[in-house]
Amino acid sequence: MSLATYSFENGIATIVINNPPQNRLSKDLMFEFAGMLEQLKNTQGLRGVFLRSEGPDFSFGGDITPWLDREDEQTRQESDAAIMICNAFEDLPVPVVVAIQGRCAGGGLEMALRADVLVAAEDASFSHPEKTIGVFTLLGGVQRVADRVGRTRAMKWALTAEAVSAQEALDAGLITQLVPQAELLSACDEWLAQLSTGPTLAHTAHKKLLRAWSNGGVKAADNLMTDMAVDIFKSEDARNAIEGAIKAFLAGEERPTFEFNGK
């Protein structure tokens, strides 16, 4: 049985995790996920990605049951593979939206943090339970929490393994939006509708700049901007929209809403 499904419609790729009862990120699930990421590389007209999971919880994290039986080299290989998959997800050039319900813990949280827009239901909670089994956040979670909400809070959550409520996560800046549970998918649909008709190359540029800022600060992002500006002004979307904006300005009219083709 497949542990995840992939679909593509109107420029949006949707990946749905379905590994009951806790949507654990098992080796088999990660293998399927990697295949879907490869498929995304060859998807023409991709303008956004949506990740969600079935069931009451987003994900409890990694499947710990085989960990004690691994030799050092196997641990190294599987760890490298999991991190590479997560990095590939994080490095997707288009915006990624994730829907989060119930528990989002351990590797599940670390996967969700690789997205750009995190929409959570009111019943969602977030935690680093790793300390309860004597390990650290194996997929880069603590540093990504720090990137979003600061070192002090990231260390606190890692030290305590506390369950952070969706409201606290929103107030801290960990997530993008908090909605009633019944409205989770419709709220994500609104984001995806914007992405499917928006200026995809501009979104890609903002994502690239923020990644550069996370890795190297403002200076690192600034160093990319000139070449990126040359590229964006060559795009069909920018040229058509700028032409329309100039016409509206010269005519003394309000700037119209433009249609973007993602090119």
Protein backbone atom coordinates (compact mmCIF):
# COMPACT_ATOMS: atom_id res chain seq x y z
CA MET A 1 0.00 0.00 0.00
CA SER A 2 1.28 3.44 -0.89
CA LEU A 3 2.11 5.62 2.11
CA ALA A 4 1.77 8.87 0.18
CA THR A 5 -0.01 10.10 -2.93
CA TYR A 6 0.90 12.68 -5.54
CA SER A 7 -1.32 14.72 -7.82
CA PHE A 8 -0.92 17.79 -10.02
CA GLU A 9 -3.62 20.24 -11.08
CA ASN A 10 -3.74 23.93 -12.04
CA GLY A 11 -0.03 24.38 -11.37
CA ILE A 12 -0.20 22.93 -7.85
CA ALA A 13 1.41 19.63 -6.86
CA THR A 14 -0.22 17.97 -3.86
CA ILE A 15 1.48 15.35 -1.68
CA VAL A 16 -0.65 13.56 0.90
CA ILE A 17 0.95 11.46 3.64
CA ASN A 18 -1.13 8.50 4.78
CA ASN A 19 0.78 6.23 7.14
CA PRO A 20 -1.58 5.47 10.03
CA PRO A 21 -1.87 5.54 12.91
CA GLN A 22 0.65 8.35 13.50
CA ASN A 23 1.94 9.22 10.02
CA ARG A 24 5.45 8.24 11.07
CA LEU A 25 8.20 9.15 8.62
CA SER A 26 9.28 5.58 8.00
CA LYS A 27 12.07 4.62 5.64
CA ASP A 28 9.49 3.44 3.08
CA LEU A 29 7.51 6.67 3.34
CA MET A 30 10.63 8.79 2.89
CA PHE A 31 11.57 6.70 -0.14
CA GLU A 32 8.16 7.41 -1.71
CA PHE A 33 8.47 11.08 -0.79
CA ALA A 34 11.87 11.25 -2.48
CA GLY A 35 10.37 9.82 -5.66
CA MET A 36 7.68 12.48 -5.64
CA LEU A 37 10.27 15.21 -5.23
CA GLU A 38 12.09 13.83 -8.28
CA GLN A 39 8.82 13.93 -10.17
CA LEU A 40 8.40 17.58 -9.22
CA LYS A 41 11.71 18.45 -10.88
CA ASN A 42 10.27 17.43 -14.25
CA THR A 43 6.82 18.96 -13.78
CA GLN A 44 6.17 21.68 -16.33
CA GLY A 45 4.14 24.64 -15.12
CA LEU A 46 4.73 24.01 -11.41
CA ARG A 47 3.69 27.04 -9.38
CA GLY A 48 3.27 25.71 -5.87
CA VAL A 49 3.36 22.60 -3.70
CA PHE A 50 0.88 21.51 -1.03
CA LEU A 51 1.76 19.00 1.68
CA ARG A 52 -0.82 17.54 4.03
CA SER A 53 -1.55 14.31 5.85
CA GLU A 54 -4.58 12.14 6.47
CA GLY A 55 -5.88 11.35 9.92
CA PRO A 56 -6.11 13.28 13.18
CA ASP A 57 -2.39 14.09 13.38
CA PHE A 58 0.05 15.57 10.92
CA SER A 59 2.96 13.37 12.03
CA PHE A 60 4.53 12.09 15.25
CA GLY A 61 7.94 12.05 13.55
CA GLY A 62 10.38 9.33 12.63
CA ASP A 63 9.84 5.60 12.92
CA ILE A 64 12.13 4.71 15.82
CA THR A 65 11.48 0.94 15.83
CA PRO A 66 14.50 -0.05 13.66
CA TRP A 67 17.00 2.37 15.17
CA LEU A 68 18.64 0.07 17.73
CA ASP A 69 19.39 -2.63 15.16
CA ARG A 70 21.42 -0.41 12.84
CA GLU A 71 25.18 -0.49 12.53
CA ASP A 72 27.07 2.81 12.46
CA GLU A 73 27.41 2.88 8.69
CA GLN A 74 23.72 2.17 8.20
CA THR A 75 22.86 4.97 10.63
CA ARG A 76 25.13 7.30 8.69
CA GLN A 77 23.67 6.33 5.31
CA GLU A 78 20.05 6.55 6.41
CA SER A 79 20.64 9.83 8.21
CA ASP A 80 22.33 11.32 5.15
CA ALA A 81 19.48 10.13 2.94
CA ALA A 82 16.77 11.57 5.20
CA ILE A 83 18.52 14.93 5.45
CA MET A 84 19.02 15.05 1.68
CA ILE A 85 15.31 14.39 1.13
CA CYS A 86 14.31 17.12 3.58
CA ASN A 87 16.79 19.53 2.00
CA ALA A 88 15.41 18.76 -1.46
CA PHE A 89 11.92 19.54 -0.17
CA GLU A 90 13.15 22.79 1.37
CA ASP A 91 15.00 23.72 -1.83
CA LEU A 92 11.98 23.42 -4.12
CA PRO A 93 12.00 26.64 -6.17
CA VAL A 94 8.29 27.37 -5.73
CA PRO A 95 6.39 28.21 -2.53
CA VAL A 96 5.31 25.25 -0.40
CA VAL A 97 2.17 25.28 1.76
CA VAL A 98 1.67 22.74 4.55
CA ALA A 99 -1.56 21.98 6.43
CA ILE A 100 -1.05 20.91 10.05
CA GLN A 101 -3.58 19.26 12.33
CA GLY A 102 -3.19 17.48 15.64
CA ARG A 103 0.30 16.55 16.74
CA CYS A 104 3.21 17.83 14.69
CA ALA A 105 6.20 16.39 16.50
CA GLY A 106 9.80 15.36 15.96
CA GLY A 107 10.56 14.67 12.33
CA GLY A 108 7.03 15.74 11.42
CA LEU A 109 7.76 19.23 12.74
CA GLU A 110 11.16 19.20 11.07
CA MET A 111 9.50 18.37 7.75
CA ALA A 112 6.82 21.04 8.19
CA LEU A 113 9.48 23.65 8.95
CA ARG A 114 10.91 23.14 5.46
CA ALA A 115 7.74 24.68 3.99
CA ASP A 116 7.16 28.39 3.34
CA VAL A 117 3.56 28.77 4.52
CA LEU A 118 2.47 26.81 7.60
CA VAL A 119 -1.29 26.76 8.14
CA ALA A 120 -2.39 25.11 11.38
CA ALA A 121 -5.71 24.06 12.82
CA GLU A 122 -6.63 25.12 16.33
CA ASP A 123 -6.03 21.58 17.63
CA ALA A 124 -2.45 21.52 16.34
CA SER A 125 0.50 21.27 18.70
CA PHE A 126 4.22 21.37 18.01
CA SER A 127 7.02 19.66 19.89
CA HIS A 128 10.57 18.36 19.90
CA PRO A 129 10.17 15.08 21.83
CA GLU A 130 13.69 13.95 20.97
CA LYS A 131 15.06 14.60 24.45
CA THR A 132 12.64 12.03 25.86
CA ILE A 133 14.64 9.30 24.08
CA GLY A 134 18.03 10.93 24.53
CA VAL A 135 18.65 12.21 20.99
CA PHE A 136 18.69 15.60 19.28
CA THR A 137 16.56 16.93 16.43
CA LEU A 138 17.98 14.70 13.74
CA LEU A 139 16.52 16.48 10.69
CA GLY A 140 17.59 20.02 11.52
CA GLY A 141 14.63 21.06 13.62
CA VAL A 142 16.17 23.09 16.43
CA GLN A 143 18.11 25.38 14.12
CA ARG A 144 15.08 25.95 11.91
CA VAL A 145 12.92 26.81 14.89
CA ALA A 146 15.66 29.26 15.94
CA ASP A 147 15.64 30.73 12.44
CA ARG A 148 11.92 31.45 12.77
CA VAL A 149 11.46 32.36 16.43
CA GLY A 150 14.91 32.95 17.92
CA ARG A 151 17.55 30.95 19.75
CA THR A 152 16.17 31.39 23.27
CA ARG A 153 12.74 29.99 22.51
CA ALA A 154 14.18 27.23 20.30
CA MET A 155 16.44 26.05 23.11
CA LYS A 156 13.58 26.17 25.62
CA TRP A 157 11.33 24.02 23.45
CA ALA A 158 14.14 21.53 22.79
CA LEU A 159 15.10 21.31 26.49
CA THR A 160 11.54 20.85 27.73
CA ALA A 161 9.99 18.84 24.86
CA GLU A 162 6.82 20.74 25.72
CA ALA A 163 3.80 20.67 23.44
CA VAL A 164 3.48 24.19 22.02
CA SER A 165 -0.09 25.16 21.22
CA ALA A 166 -1.06 26.45 17.81
CA GLN A 167 -1.83 29.86 19.32
CA GLU A 168 1.59 30.09 20.97
CA ALA A 169 3.21 28.97 17.73
CA LEU A 170 1.38 31.72 15.85
CA ASP A 171 2.26 34.37 18.43
CA ALA A 172 5.91 33.31 18.28
CA GLY A 173 6.04 33.41 14.49
CA LEU A 174 6.56 29.67 14.01
CA ILE A 175 3.48 29.30 11.80
CA THR A 176 1.86 31.53 9.23
CA GLN A 177 -1.85 31.17 9.95
CA LEU A 178 -4.17 29.65 12.56
CA VAL A 179 -7.69 28.60 11.56
CA PRO A 180 -10.57 26.55 12.99
CA GLN A 181 -10.09 22.85 12.32
CA ALA A 182 -13.02 22.73 9.90
CA GLU A 183 -11.46 25.50 7.81
CA LEU A 184 -7.93 24.07 7.50
CA LEU A 185 -8.16 22.80 3.93
CA SER A 186 -10.20 25.75 2.68
CA ALA A 187 -7.64 28.17 4.13
CA CYS A 188 -4.88 26.27 2.34
CA ASP A 189 -6.93 26.35 -0.86
CA GLU A 190 -6.97 30.14 -0.66
CA TRP A 191 -3.17 30.21 -0.47
CA LEU A 192 -2.86 27.74 -3.32
CA ALA A 193 -5.28 29.70 -5.50
CA GLN A 194 -3.06 32.75 -5.07
CA LEU A 195 0.02 30.74 -5.98
CA SER A 196 -1.58 29.16 -9.05
CA THR A 197 -2.29 32.58 -10.58
CA GLY A 198 0.50 34.65 -9.03
CA PRO A 199 3.92 35.83 -10.23
CA THR A 200 5.72 32.54 -9.71
CA LEU A 201 9.19 33.83 -10.61
CA ALA A 202 8.87 36.68 -8.12
CA HIS A 203 7.82 34.21 -5.42
CA THR A 204 10.80 32.04 -6.34
CA ALA A 205 13.11 35.05 -6.00
CA HIS A 206 11.77 35.94 -2.55
CA LYS A 207 12.21 32.35 -1.43
CA LYS A 208 15.79 32.32 -2.70
CA LEU A 209 16.60 35.60 -0.97
CA LEU A 210 15.20 34.43 2.35
CA ARG A 211 17.17 31.18 2.14
CA ALA A 212 20.32 33.19 1.49
CA TRP A 213 19.49 35.44 4.44
CA SER A 214 18.95 32.41 6.70
CA ASN A 215 22.28 30.95 5.69
CA GLY A 216 24.43 34.06 5.52
CA GLY A 217 22.52 37.15 6.64
CA VAL A 218 21.46 40.30 4.83
CA LYS A 219 24.79 40.66 3.02
CA ALA A 220 24.51 37.18 1.49
CA ALA A 221 21.04 37.96 0.20
CA ASP A 222 22.10 41.38 -1.09
CA ASN A 223 24.90 39.79 -3.10
CA LEU A 224 22.33 37.86 -5.16
CA MET A 225 20.06 40.72 -6.01
CA THR A 226 21.68 42.29 -9.09
CA ASP A 227 21.78 39.09 -11.14
CA MET A 228 18.29 38.20 -9.95
CA ALA A 229 17.03 41.63 -11.02
CA VAL A 230 18.41 41.11 -14.54
CA ASP A 231 16.59 37.80 -14.76
CA ILE A 232 13.24 38.98 -13.37
CA PHE A 233 13.05 41.90 -15.82
CA LYS A 234 13.36 39.39 -18.66
CA SER A 235 10.31 37.44 -17.52
CA GLU A 236 7.04 37.65 -19.42
CA ASP A 237 5.07 38.27 -16.25
CA ALA A 238 7.17 41.23 -15.15
CA ARG A 239 7.38 42.82 -18.61
CA ASN A 240 3.65 42.54 -19.26
CA ALA A 241 2.69 43.77 -15.79
CA ILE A 242 5.15 46.66 -15.81
CA GLU A 243 3.91 47.72 -19.26
CA GLY A 244 0.33 47.70 -17.97
CA ALA A 245 1.31 49.60 -14.84
CA ILE A 246 3.05 52.29 -16.91
CA LYS A 247 -0.01 52.68 -19.13
CA ALA A 248 -2.24 53.04 -16.09
CA PHE A 249 0.09 55.61 -14.54
CA LEU A 250 0.27 57.73 -17.70
CA ALA A 251 -3.50 57.61 -18.06
CA GLY A 252 -4.02 58.64 -14.43
CA GLU A 253 -5.78 55.35 -13.67
CA GLU A 254 -5.51 52.86 -10.84
CA ARG A 255 -3.15 50.00 -11.50
CA PRO A 256 -5.19 47.00 -12.65
CA THR A 257 -4.91 43.45 -11.35
CA PHE A 258 -2.67 41.53 -13.72
CA GLU A 259 -2.86 37.93 -14.84
CA PHE A 260 0.40 36.04 -14.40
CA ASN A 261 1.43 32.93 -16.28
CA GLY A 262 4.41 31.96 -14.17
CA LYS A 263 6.88 32.71 -16.96
